[in-house]
Full PDB file with SEQRES, HELIX, SHEET, SSBOND, CRYST1, ORIGX, SCALE, CONECT and MASTER records, all heavy atoms in Angstrom:
SEQRES   1 A   41  ALA PHE MET PRO VAL GLY THR ALA ALA THR VAL LYS ALA          
SEQRES   2 A   41  MET LEU PRO GLY SER VAL ARG GLU THR GLY ALA ASP ILE          
SEQRES   3 A   41  LEU LEU GLY ASN THR TYR HIS LEU MET LEU ARG PRO THR          
SEQRES   4 A   41  ALA GLU                                                      
HELIX    1 AA1 PRO A   16  THR A   22  1                                   7    
HELIX    2 AA2 THR A   31  LEU A   36  1                                   6    
SHEET    1 AA1 2 VAL A   5  GLY A   6  0                                        
SHEET    2 AA1 2 LEU A  28  GLY A  29  1                                        
CRYST1    1.000    1.000    1.000  90.00  90.00  90.00 P 1           1          
ORIGX1      1.000000  0.000000  0.000000        0.00000                         
ORIGX2      0.000000  1.000000  0.000000        0.00000                         
ORIGX3      0.000000  0.000000  1.000000        0.00000                         
SCALE1      1.000000  0.000000  0.000000        0.00000                         
SCALE2      0.000000  1.000000  0.000000        0.00000                         
SCALE3      0.000000  0.000000  1.000000        0.00000                         
ATOM      1  N   ALA A   1     -38.620 -39.910 -13.488  1.00  0.00           N  
ATOM      2  CA  ALA A   1     -39.933 -39.595 -13.889  1.00  0.00           C  
ATOM      3  C   ALA A   1     -39.922 -38.766 -15.177  1.00  0.00           C  
ATOM      4  O   ALA A   1     -39.075 -37.912 -15.370  1.00  0.00           O  
ATOM      5  CB  ALA A   1     -40.660 -38.697 -12.886  1.00  0.00           C  
ATOM      6  N   PHE A   2     -40.834 -39.271 -16.093  1.00  0.00           N  
ATOM      7  CA  PHE A   2     -41.034 -38.420 -17.337  1.00  0.00           C  
ATOM      8  C   PHE A   2     -42.393 -37.748 -17.241  1.00  0.00           C  
ATOM      9  O   PHE A   2     -43.362 -38.346 -16.988  1.00  0.00           O  
ATOM     10  CB  PHE A   2     -40.987 -39.273 -18.597  1.00  0.00           C  
ATOM     11  CG  PHE A   2     -41.220 -38.555 -19.840  1.00  0.00           C  
ATOM     12  CD1 PHE A   2     -40.246 -37.804 -20.409  1.00  0.00           C  
ATOM     13  CD2 PHE A   2     -42.460 -38.442 -20.440  1.00  0.00           C  
ATOM     14  CE1 PHE A   2     -40.468 -37.017 -21.533  1.00  0.00           C  
ATOM     15  CE2 PHE A   2     -42.771 -37.713 -21.553  1.00  0.00           C  
ATOM     16  CZ  PHE A   2     -41.768 -36.936 -22.182  1.00  0.00           C  
ATOM     17  N   MET A   3     -42.383 -36.406 -17.470  1.00  0.00           N  
ATOM     18  CA  MET A   3     -43.620 -35.672 -17.400  1.00  0.00           C  
ATOM     19  C   MET A   3     -44.123 -35.331 -18.787  1.00  0.00           C  
ATOM     20  O   MET A   3     -43.535 -34.537 -19.468  1.00  0.00           O  
ATOM     21  CB  MET A   3     -43.254 -34.328 -16.643  1.00  0.00           C  
ATOM     22  CG  MET A   3     -42.841 -34.469 -15.244  1.00  0.00           C  
ATOM     23  SD  MET A   3     -42.491 -32.949 -14.361  1.00  0.00           S  
ATOM     24  CE  MET A   3     -40.941 -32.443 -15.135  1.00  0.00           C  
ATOM     25  N   PRO A   4     -45.295 -35.884 -19.202  1.00  0.00           N  
ATOM     26  CA  PRO A   4     -45.856 -35.421 -20.441  1.00  0.00           C  
ATOM     27  C   PRO A   4     -46.206 -33.911 -20.307  1.00  0.00           C  
ATOM     28  O   PRO A   4     -46.567 -33.322 -19.335  1.00  0.00           O  
ATOM     29  CB  PRO A   4     -47.152 -36.299 -20.511  1.00  0.00           C  
ATOM     30  CG  PRO A   4     -46.857 -37.466 -19.650  1.00  0.00           C  
ATOM     31  CD  PRO A   4     -46.021 -36.957 -18.514  1.00  0.00           C  
ATOM     32  N   VAL A   5     -46.205 -33.314 -21.465  1.00  0.00           N  
ATOM     33  CA  VAL A   5     -46.377 -31.823 -21.537  1.00  0.00           C  
ATOM     34  C   VAL A   5     -47.818 -31.559 -21.920  1.00  0.00           C  
ATOM     35  O   VAL A   5     -48.305 -31.960 -22.995  1.00  0.00           O  
ATOM     36  CB  VAL A   5     -45.416 -31.137 -22.517  1.00  0.00           C  
ATOM     37  CG1 VAL A   5     -45.678 -29.720 -22.573  1.00  0.00           C  
ATOM     38  CG2 VAL A   5     -43.992 -31.372 -22.068  1.00  0.00           C  
ATOM     39  N   GLY A   6     -48.496 -30.791 -20.976  1.00  0.00           N  
ATOM     40  CA  GLY A   6     -49.834 -30.326 -21.258  1.00  0.00           C  
ATOM     41  C   GLY A   6     -49.789 -28.809 -21.528  1.00  0.00           C  
ATOM     42  O   GLY A   6     -50.209 -28.008 -20.585  1.00  0.00           O  
ATOM     43  N   THR A   7     -49.256 -28.386 -22.677  1.00  0.00           N  
ATOM     44  CA  THR A   7     -48.984 -26.994 -22.894  1.00  0.00           C  
ATOM     45  C   THR A   7     -50.152 -26.081 -22.550  1.00  0.00           C  
ATOM     46  O   THR A   7     -49.986 -25.124 -21.745  1.00  0.00           O  
ATOM     47  CB  THR A   7     -48.612 -26.821 -24.420  1.00  0.00           C  
ATOM     48  OG1 THR A   7     -47.547 -27.711 -24.659  1.00  0.00           O  
ATOM     49  CG2 THR A   7     -48.293 -25.364 -24.700  1.00  0.00           C  
ATOM     50  N   ALA A   8     -51.325 -26.278 -23.073  1.00  0.00           N  
ATOM     51  CA  ALA A   8     -52.496 -25.407 -22.923  1.00  0.00           C  
ATOM     52  C   ALA A   8     -53.554 -26.043 -22.088  1.00  0.00           C  
ATOM     53  O   ALA A   8     -54.692 -26.109 -22.374  1.00  0.00           O  
ATOM     54  CB  ALA A   8     -53.037 -24.991 -24.268  1.00  0.00           C  
ATOM     55  N   ALA A   9     -53.085 -26.738 -20.964  1.00  0.00           N  
ATOM     56  CA  ALA A   9     -53.921 -27.430 -19.976  1.00  0.00           C  
ATOM     57  C   ALA A   9     -54.586 -28.659 -20.657  1.00  0.00           C  
ATOM     58  O   ALA A   9     -55.709 -29.159 -20.343  1.00  0.00           O  
ATOM     59  CB  ALA A   9     -55.082 -26.587 -19.531  1.00  0.00           C  
ATOM     60  N   THR A  10     -53.793 -29.281 -21.556  1.00  0.00           N  
ATOM     61  CA  THR A  10     -54.153 -30.546 -22.134  1.00  0.00           C  
ATOM     62  C   THR A  10     -52.993 -31.237 -22.831  1.00  0.00           C  
ATOM     63  O   THR A  10     -52.160 -30.553 -23.456  1.00  0.00           O  
ATOM     64  CB  THR A  10     -55.281 -30.422 -23.231  1.00  0.00           C  
ATOM     65  OG1 THR A  10     -55.524 -31.653 -23.882  1.00  0.00           O  
ATOM     66  CG2 THR A  10     -54.882 -29.410 -24.296  1.00  0.00           C  
ATOM     67  N   VAL A  11     -52.824 -32.564 -22.656  1.00  0.00           N  
ATOM     68  CA  VAL A  11     -51.861 -33.289 -23.411  1.00  0.00           C  
ATOM     69  C   VAL A  11     -52.617 -33.614 -24.755  1.00  0.00           C  
ATOM     70  O   VAL A  11     -53.584 -34.372 -24.745  1.00  0.00           O  
ATOM     71  CB  VAL A  11     -51.468 -34.570 -22.698  1.00  0.00           C  
ATOM     72  CG1 VAL A  11     -50.491 -35.365 -23.596  1.00  0.00           C  
ATOM     73  CG2 VAL A  11     -50.790 -34.238 -21.360  1.00  0.00           C  
ATOM     74  N   LYS A  12     -52.133 -33.027 -25.743  1.00  0.00           N  
ATOM     75  CA  LYS A  12     -52.919 -33.011 -27.076  1.00  0.00           C  
ATOM     76  C   LYS A  12     -53.319 -34.445 -27.421  1.00  0.00           C  
ATOM     77  O   LYS A  12     -52.516 -35.365 -27.455  1.00  0.00           O  
ATOM     78  CB  LYS A  12     -52.070 -32.352 -28.188  1.00  0.00           C  
ATOM     79  CG  LYS A  12     -52.018 -30.915 -28.016  1.00  0.00           C  
ATOM     80  CD  LYS A  12     -51.230 -30.223 -29.147  1.00  0.00           C  
ATOM     81  CE  LYS A  12     -51.219 -28.670 -29.020  1.00  0.00           C  
ATOM     82  NZ  LYS A  12     -50.572 -28.202 -27.789  1.00  0.00           N  
ATOM     83  N   ALA A  13     -54.539 -34.641 -27.800  1.00  0.00           N  
ATOM     84  CA  ALA A  13     -55.085 -35.890 -28.335  1.00  0.00           C  
ATOM     85  C   ALA A  13     -55.351 -36.965 -27.212  1.00  0.00           C  
ATOM     86  O   ALA A  13     -55.655 -38.067 -27.562  1.00  0.00           O  
ATOM     87  CB  ALA A  13     -54.258 -36.507 -29.468  1.00  0.00           C  
ATOM     88  N   MET A  14     -55.174 -36.572 -25.909  1.00  0.00           N  
ATOM     89  CA  MET A  14     -55.254 -37.550 -24.897  1.00  0.00           C  
ATOM     90  C   MET A  14     -56.330 -37.044 -23.843  1.00  0.00           C  
ATOM     91  O   MET A  14     -56.181 -35.814 -23.437  1.00  0.00           O  
ATOM     92  CB  MET A  14     -53.962 -37.774 -24.165  1.00  0.00           C  
ATOM     93  CG  MET A  14     -52.881 -38.438 -25.048  1.00  0.00           C  
ATOM     94  SD  MET A  14     -53.164 -40.158 -25.397  1.00  0.00           S  
ATOM     95  CE  MET A  14     -52.700 -40.835 -23.754  1.00  0.00           C  
ATOM     96  N   LEU A  15     -57.141 -37.899 -23.295  1.00  0.00           N  
ATOM     97  CA  LEU A  15     -57.852 -37.581 -22.062  1.00  0.00           C  
ATOM     98  C   LEU A  15     -56.999 -37.720 -20.826  1.00  0.00           C  
ATOM     99  O   LEU A  15     -56.003 -38.520 -20.873  1.00  0.00           O  
ATOM    100  CB  LEU A  15     -59.027 -38.665 -21.928  1.00  0.00           C  
ATOM    101  CG  LEU A  15     -60.229 -38.494 -22.879  1.00  0.00           C  
ATOM    102  CD1 LEU A  15     -61.125 -39.673 -22.780  1.00  0.00           C  
ATOM    103  CD2 LEU A  15     -60.941 -37.189 -22.708  1.00  0.00           C  
ATOM    104  N   PRO A  16     -57.245 -36.986 -19.750  1.00  0.00           N  
ATOM    105  CA  PRO A  16     -56.342 -37.028 -18.702  1.00  0.00           C  
ATOM    106  C   PRO A  16     -56.310 -38.412 -17.977  1.00  0.00           C  
ATOM    107  O   PRO A  16     -55.181 -38.922 -17.678  1.00  0.00           O  
ATOM    108  CB  PRO A  16     -56.985 -36.098 -17.652  1.00  0.00           C  
ATOM    109  CG  PRO A  16     -57.737 -35.080 -18.484  1.00  0.00           C  
ATOM    110  CD  PRO A  16     -58.149 -35.845 -19.664  1.00  0.00           C  
ATOM    111  N   GLY A  17     -57.426 -39.167 -18.074  1.00  0.00           N  
ATOM    112  CA  GLY A  17     -57.416 -40.508 -17.528  1.00  0.00           C  
ATOM    113  C   GLY A  17     -56.547 -41.427 -18.401  1.00  0.00           C  
ATOM    114  O   GLY A  17     -55.899 -42.306 -17.840  1.00  0.00           O  
ATOM    115  N   SER A  18     -56.525 -41.173 -19.606  1.00  0.00           N  
ATOM    116  CA  SER A  18     -55.720 -41.958 -20.580  1.00  0.00           C  
ATOM    117  C   SER A  18     -54.189 -41.757 -20.307  1.00  0.00           C  
ATOM    118  O   SER A  18     -53.366 -42.659 -20.363  1.00  0.00           O  
ATOM    119  CB  SER A  18     -56.018 -41.694 -22.058  1.00  0.00           C  
ATOM    120  OG  SER A  18     -57.391 -41.815 -22.277  1.00  0.00           O  
ATOM    121  N   VAL A  19     -53.828 -40.470 -20.015  1.00  0.00           N  
ATOM    122  CA  VAL A  19     -52.442 -40.107 -19.752  1.00  0.00           C  
ATOM    123  C   VAL A  19     -52.026 -40.808 -18.421  1.00  0.00           C  
ATOM    124  O   VAL A  19     -50.958 -41.414 -18.369  1.00  0.00           O  
ATOM    125  CB  VAL A  19     -52.253 -38.604 -19.578  1.00  0.00           C  
ATOM    126  CG1 VAL A  19     -50.836 -38.312 -19.098  1.00  0.00           C  
ATOM    127  CG2 VAL A  19     -52.650 -37.851 -20.821  1.00  0.00           C  
ATOM    128  N   ARG A  20     -52.974 -40.882 -17.480  1.00  0.00           N  
ATOM    129  CA  ARG A  20     -52.640 -41.606 -16.206  1.00  0.00           C  
ATOM    130  C   ARG A  20     -52.478 -43.074 -16.496  1.00  0.00           C  
ATOM    131  O   ARG A  20     -51.596 -43.731 -15.886  1.00  0.00           O  
ATOM    132  CB  ARG A  20     -53.713 -41.365 -15.199  1.00  0.00           C  
ATOM    133  CG  ARG A  20     -53.569 -42.132 -13.926  1.00  0.00           C  
ATOM    134  CD  ARG A  20     -52.281 -41.719 -13.143  1.00  0.00           C  
ATOM    135  NE  ARG A  20     -52.175 -42.395 -11.920  1.00  0.00           N  
ATOM    136  CZ  ARG A  20     -51.087 -42.674 -11.261  1.00  0.00           C  
ATOM    137  NH1 ARG A  20     -49.933 -42.244 -11.769  1.00  0.00           N  
ATOM    138  NH2 ARG A  20     -51.062 -43.286 -10.102  1.00  0.00           N  
ATOM    139  N   GLU A  21     -53.294 -43.704 -17.373  1.00  0.00           N  
ATOM    140  CA  GLU A  21     -53.177 -45.097 -17.690  1.00  0.00           C  
ATOM    141  C   GLU A  21     -51.767 -45.441 -18.322  1.00  0.00           C  
ATOM    142  O   GLU A  21     -51.357 -46.524 -18.173  1.00  0.00           O  
ATOM    143  CB  GLU A  21     -54.263 -45.482 -18.584  1.00  0.00           C  
ATOM    144  CG  GLU A  21     -55.617 -45.644 -17.985  1.00  0.00           C  
ATOM    145  CD  GLU A  21     -56.642 -46.233 -18.885  1.00  0.00           C  
ATOM    146  OE1 GLU A  21     -56.382 -47.201 -19.648  1.00  0.00           O  
ATOM    147  OE2 GLU A  21     -57.789 -45.612 -19.085  1.00  0.00           O  
ATOM    148  N   THR A  22     -51.136 -44.459 -18.972  1.00  0.00           N  
ATOM    149  CA  THR A  22     -49.808 -44.776 -19.571  1.00  0.00           C  
ATOM    150  C   THR A  22     -48.795 -45.018 -18.360  1.00  0.00           C  
ATOM    151  O   THR A  22     -47.675 -45.464 -18.713  1.00  0.00           O  
ATOM    152  CB  THR A  22     -49.372 -43.724 -20.501  1.00  0.00           C  
ATOM    153  OG1 THR A  22     -49.136 -42.451 -19.762  1.00  0.00           O  
ATOM    154  CG2 THR A  22     -50.391 -43.413 -21.601  1.00  0.00           C  
ATOM    155  N   GLY A  23     -49.126 -44.464 -17.226  1.00  0.00           N  
ATOM    156  CA  GLY A  23     -48.139 -44.538 -16.151  1.00  0.00           C  
ATOM    157  C   GLY A  23     -47.653 -43.280 -15.610  1.00  0.00           C  
ATOM    158  O   GLY A  23     -46.726 -43.189 -14.722  1.00  0.00           O  
ATOM    159  N   ALA A  24     -48.036 -42.150 -16.181  1.00  0.00           N  
ATOM    160  CA  ALA A  24     -47.570 -40.831 -15.772  1.00  0.00           C  
ATOM    161  C   ALA A  24     -48.079 -40.462 -14.384  1.00  0.00           C  
ATOM    162  O   ALA A  24     -49.288 -40.661 -14.031  1.00  0.00           O  
ATOM    163  CB  ALA A  24     -48.117 -39.763 -16.791  1.00  0.00           C  
ATOM    164  N   ASP A  25     -47.160 -40.066 -13.523  1.00  0.00           N  
ATOM    165  CA  ASP A  25     -47.509 -39.507 -12.232  1.00  0.00           C  
ATOM    166  C   ASP A  25     -47.654 -38.058 -12.140  1.00  0.00           C  
ATOM    167  O   ASP A  25     -48.199 -37.535 -11.098  1.00  0.00           O  
ATOM    168  CB  ASP A  25     -46.361 -39.963 -11.181  1.00  0.00           C  
ATOM    169  CG  ASP A  25     -46.233 -41.429 -10.987  1.00  0.00           C  
ATOM    170  OD1 ASP A  25     -47.248 -42.137 -11.169  1.00  0.00           O  
ATOM    171  OD2 ASP A  25     -45.107 -41.853 -10.707  1.00  0.00           O  
ATOM    172  N   ILE A  26     -47.142 -37.287 -13.095  1.00  0.00           N  
ATOM    173  CA  ILE A  26     -47.169 -35.838 -13.023  1.00  0.00           C  
ATOM    174  C   ILE A  26     -47.233 -35.242 -14.464  1.00  0.00           C  
ATOM    175  O   ILE A  26     -46.670 -35.851 -15.458  1.00  0.00           O  
ATOM    176  CB  ILE A  26     -45.963 -35.342 -12.336  1.00  0.00           C  
ATOM    177  CG1 ILE A  26     -45.843 -33.764 -12.284  1.00  0.00           C  
ATOM    178  CG2 ILE A  26     -44.612 -35.961 -12.821  1.00  0.00           C  
ATOM    179  CD1 ILE A  26     -44.785 -33.224 -11.369  1.00  0.00           C  
ATOM    180  N   LEU A  27     -47.834 -34.131 -14.637  1.00  0.00           N  
ATOM    181  CA  LEU A  27     -47.856 -33.443 -15.955  1.00  0.00           C  
ATOM    182  C   LEU A  27     -47.195 -32.082 -15.826  1.00  0.00           C  
ATOM    183  O   LEU A  27     -47.040 -31.570 -14.700  1.00  0.00           O  
ATOM    184  CB  LEU A  27     -49.299 -33.182 -16.419  1.00  0.00           C  
ATOM    185  CG  LEU A  27     -50.169 -34.362 -16.682  1.00  0.00           C  
ATOM    186  CD1 LEU A  27     -51.536 -33.811 -17.141  1.00  0.00           C  
ATOM    187  CD2 LEU A  27     -49.578 -35.341 -17.716  1.00  0.00           C  
ATOM    188  N   LEU A  28     -46.774 -31.543 -16.939  1.00  0.00           N  
ATOM    189  CA  LEU A  28     -46.147 -30.210 -17.019  1.00  0.00           C  
ATOM    190  C   LEU A  28     -47.207 -29.222 -17.682  1.00  0.00           C  
ATOM    191  O   LEU A  28     -47.832 -29.565 -18.715  1.00  0.00           O  
ATOM    192  CB  LEU A  28     -44.893 -30.217 -17.680  1.00  0.00           C  
ATOM    193  CG  LEU A  28     -44.167 -28.869 -17.803  1.00  0.00           C  
ATOM    194  CD1 LEU A  28     -42.637 -29.082 -17.659  1.00  0.00           C  
ATOM    195  CD2 LEU A  28     -44.412 -28.135 -19.116  1.00  0.00           C  
ATOM    196  N   GLY A  29     -47.332 -28.095 -17.126  1.00  0.00           N  
ATOM    197  CA  GLY A  29     -48.185 -27.017 -17.750  1.00  0.00           C  
ATOM    198  C   GLY A  29     -47.331 -25.854 -18.091  1.00  0.00           C  
ATOM    199  O   GLY A  29     -46.243 -25.650 -17.435  1.00  0.00           O  
ATOM    200  N   ASN A  30     -47.648 -25.039 -19.085  1.00  0.00           N  
ATOM    201  CA  ASN A  30     -46.773 -23.964 -19.526  1.00  0.00           C  
ATOM    202  C   ASN A  30     -47.392 -22.568 -19.099  1.00  0.00           C  
ATOM    203  O   ASN A  30     -48.421 -22.178 -19.515  1.00  0.00           O  
ATOM    204  CB  ASN A  30     -46.661 -23.939 -21.110  1.00  0.00           C  
ATOM    205  CG  ASN A  30     -45.804 -25.039 -21.528  1.00  0.00           C  
ATOM    206  OD1 ASN A  30     -46.337 -26.003 -22.143  1.00  0.00           O  
ATOM    207  ND2 ASN A  30     -44.510 -25.014 -21.273  1.00  0.00           N  
ATOM    208  N   THR A  31     -46.647 -21.918 -18.264  1.00  0.00           N  
ATOM    209  CA  THR A  31     -47.070 -20.611 -17.695  1.00  0.00           C  
ATOM    210  C   THR A  31     -47.324 -19.613 -18.870  1.00  0.00           C  
ATOM    211  O   THR A  31     -48.362 -18.897 -18.837  1.00  0.00           O  
ATOM    212  CB  THR A  31     -46.063 -20.126 -16.678  1.00  0.00           C  
ATOM    213  OG1 THR A  31     -46.089 -20.995 -15.507  1.00  0.00           O  
ATOM    214  CG2 THR A  31     -46.290 -18.681 -16.337  1.00  0.00           C  
ATOM    215  N   TYR A  32     -46.371 -19.567 -19.714  1.00  0.00           N  
ATOM    216  CA  TYR A  32     -46.522 -18.588 -20.795  1.00  0.00           C  
ATOM    217  C   TYR A  32     -47.799 -18.673 -21.640  1.00  0.00           C  
ATOM    218  O   TYR A  32     -48.522 -17.729 -21.786  1.00  0.00           O  
ATOM    219  CB  TYR A  32     -45.309 -18.707 -21.768  1.00  0.00           C  
ATOM    220  CG  TYR A  32     -45.388 -17.896 -23.051  1.00  0.00           C  
ATOM    221  CD1 TYR A  32     -44.956 -16.556 -23.084  1.00  0.00           C  
ATOM    222  CD2 TYR A  32     -45.903 -18.481 -24.233  1.00  0.00           C  
ATOM    223  CE1 TYR A  32     -45.009 -15.875 -24.292  1.00  0.00           C  
ATOM    224  CE2 TYR A  32     -45.976 -17.821 -25.407  1.00  0.00           C  
ATOM    225  CZ  TYR A  32     -45.518 -16.486 -25.467  1.00  0.00           C  
ATOM    226  OH  TYR A  32     -45.591 -15.766 -26.655  1.00  0.00           O  
ATOM    227  N   HIS A  33     -48.082 -19.937 -21.978  1.00  0.00           N  
ATOM    228  CA  HIS A  33     -49.359 -20.157 -22.784  1.00  0.00           C  
ATOM    229  C   HIS A  33     -50.578 -19.921 -21.961  1.00  0.00           C  
ATOM    230  O   HIS A  33     -51.500 -19.330 -22.513  1.00  0.00           O  
ATOM    231  CB  HIS A  33     -49.306 -21.596 -23.377  1.00  0.00           C  
ATOM    232  CG  HIS A  33     -48.224 -21.812 -24.430  1.00  0.00           C  
ATOM    233  ND1 HIS A  33     -48.383 -21.456 -25.721  1.00  0.00           N  
ATOM    234  CD2 HIS A  33     -47.038 -22.372 -24.334  1.00  0.00           C  
ATOM    235  CE1 HIS A  33     -47.323 -21.762 -26.458  1.00  0.00           C  
ATOM    236  NE2 HIS A  33     -46.503 -22.278 -25.566  1.00  0.00           N  
ATOM    237  N   LEU A  34     -50.554 -20.420 -20.796  1.00  0.00           N  
ATOM    238  CA  LEU A  34     -51.779 -20.301 -19.989  1.00  0.00           C  
ATOM    239  C   LEU A  34     -52.015 -18.813 -19.451  1.00  0.00           C  
ATOM    240  O   LEU A  34     -53.174 -18.437 -19.339  1.00  0.00           O  
ATOM    241  CB  LEU A  34     -51.746 -21.191 -18.718  1.00  0.00           C  
ATOM    242  CG  LEU A  34     -51.647 -22.705 -19.064  1.00  0.00           C  
ATOM    243  CD1 LEU A  34     -51.415 -23.576 -17.858  1.00  0.00           C  
ATOM    244  CD2 LEU A  34     -53.019 -23.187 -19.649  1.00  0.00           C  
ATOM    245  N   MET A  35     -51.013 -18.048 -19.258  1.00  0.00           N  
ATOM    246  CA  MET A  35     -51.231 -16.644 -18.941  1.00  0.00           C  
ATOM    247  C   MET A  35     -51.796 -15.848 -20.007  1.00  0.00           C  
ATOM    248  O   MET A  35     -52.513 -14.833 -19.869  1.00  0.00           O  
ATOM    249  CB  MET A  35     -49.839 -16.018 -18.532  1.00  0.00           C  
ATOM    250  CG  MET A  35     -48.882 -15.740 -19.489  1.00  0.00           C  
ATOM    251  SD  MET A  35     -47.345 -14.866 -18.988  1.00  0.00           S  
ATOM    252  CE  MET A  35     -48.018 -13.159 -19.083  1.00  0.00           C  
ATOM    253  N   LEU A  36     -51.491 -16.276 -21.338  1.00  0.00           N  
ATOM    254  CA  LEU A  36     -52.072 -15.636 -22.410  1.00  0.00           C  
ATOM    255  C   LEU A  36     -53.461 -16.031 -22.815  1.00  0.00           C  
ATOM    256  O   LEU A  36     -54.358 -15.318 -23.170  1.00  0.00           O  
ATOM    257  CB  LEU A  36     -51.114 -15.762 -23.624  1.00  0.00           C  
ATOM    258  CG  LEU A  36     -49.713 -15.146 -23.602  1.00  0.00           C  
ATOM    259  CD1 LEU A  36     -48.943 -15.496 -24.865  1.00  0.00           C  
ATOM    260  CD2 LEU A  36     -49.758 -13.664 -23.373  1.00  0.00           C  
ATOM    261  N   ARG A  37     -53.736 -17.309 -22.596  1.00  0.00           N  
ATOM    262  CA  ARG A  37     -55.008 -17.889 -22.952  1.00  0.00           C  
ATOM    263  C   ARG A  37     -55.252 -19.173 -22.221  1.00  0.00           C  
ATOM    264  O   ARG A  37     -54.335 -20.071 -22.384  1.00  0.00           O  
ATOM    265  CB  ARG A  37     -55.052 -18.152 -24.480  1.00  0.00           C  
ATOM    266  CG  ARG A  37     -56.418 -18.618 -24.991  1.00  0.00           C  
ATOM    267  CD  ARG A  37     -56.480 -18.655 -26.518  1.00  0.00           C  
ATOM    268  NE  ARG A  37     -55.395 -19.463 -27.087  1.00  0.00           N  
ATOM    269  CZ  ARG A  37     -55.043 -19.486 -28.389  1.00  0.00           C  
ATOM    270  NH1 ARG A  37     -55.574 -18.662 -29.240  1.00  0.00           N  
ATOM    271  NH2 ARG A  37     -54.100 -20.268 -28.803  1.00  0.00           N  
ATOM    272  N   PRO A  38     -56.181 -19.282 -21.324  1.00  0.00           N  
ATOM    273  CA  PRO A  38     -57.267 -18.398 -21.110  1.00  0.00           C  
ATOM    274  C   PRO A  38     -57.039 -17.319 -20.090  1.00  0.00           C  
ATOM    275  O   PRO A  38     -57.945 -16.541 -19.838  1.00  0.00           O  
ATOM    276  CB  PRO A  38     -58.364 -19.375 -20.577  1.00  0.00           C  
ATOM    277  CG  PRO A  38     -57.600 -20.353 -19.745  1.00  0.00           C  
ATOM    278  CD  PRO A  38     -56.310 -20.538 -20.498  1.00  0.00           C  
ATOM    279  N   THR A  39     -55.795 -17.218 -19.475  1.00  0.00           N  
ATOM    280  CA  THR A  39     -55.340 -16.366 -18.353  1.00  0.00           C  
ATOM    281  C   THR A  39     -55.470 -17.158 -17.049  1.00  0.00           C  
ATOM    282  O   THR A  39     -56.320 -17.942 -16.825  1.00  0.00           O  
ATOM    283  CB  THR A  39     -56.081 -15.005 -18.242  1.00  0.00           C  
ATOM    284  OG1 THR A  39     -57.325 -15.141 -17.620  1.00  0.00           O  
ATOM    285  CG2 THR A  39     -56.150 -14.219 -19.583  1.00  0.00           C  
ATOM    286  N   ALA A  40     -54.397 -16.874 -16.248  1.00  0.00           N  
ATOM    287  CA  ALA A  40     -54.377 -17.529 -14.972  1.00  0.00           C  
ATOM    288  C   ALA A  40     -55.514 -17.106 -14.048  1.00  0.00           C  
ATOM    289  O   ALA A  40     -56.045 -17.875 -13.208  1.00  0.00           O  
ATOM    290  CB  ALA A  40     -53.058 -17.126 -14.309  1.00  0.00           C  
ATOM    291  N   GLU A  41     -55.989 -15.901 -14.233  1.00  0.00           N  
ATOM    292  CA  GLU A  41     -57.104 -15.411 -13.435  1.00  0.00           C  
ATOM    293  C   GLU A  41     -58.370 -16.283 -13.681  1.00  0.00           C  
ATOM    294  O   GLU A  41     -59.147 -16.571 -12.832  1.00  0.00           O  
ATOM    295  CB  GLU A  41     -57.428 -13.935 -13.670  1.00  0.00           C  
ATOM    296  CG  GLU A  41     -56.301 -13.052 -13.118  1.00  0.00           C  
ATOM    297  CD  GLU A  41     -55.071 -12.962 -13.952  1.00  0.00           C  
ATOM    298  OE1 GLU A  41     -55.032 -13.457 -15.114  1.00  0.00           O  
ATOM    299  OE2 GLU A  41     -54.007 -12.404 -13.489  1.00  0.00           O  
TER     300      GLU A  41                                                      
MASTER        0    0    0    2    2    0    0    6  299    1    0    4          
END                                                                             
């Protein structure tokens, strides 16, 4: 499996449905970026 990277809760320039259409089964999110902005809370 290849996981596209959604660094800040988005795969840049792509809608989530479009990412799925490429064949992706799973995405990766970045804890560091999301904890800083917008925060996990």
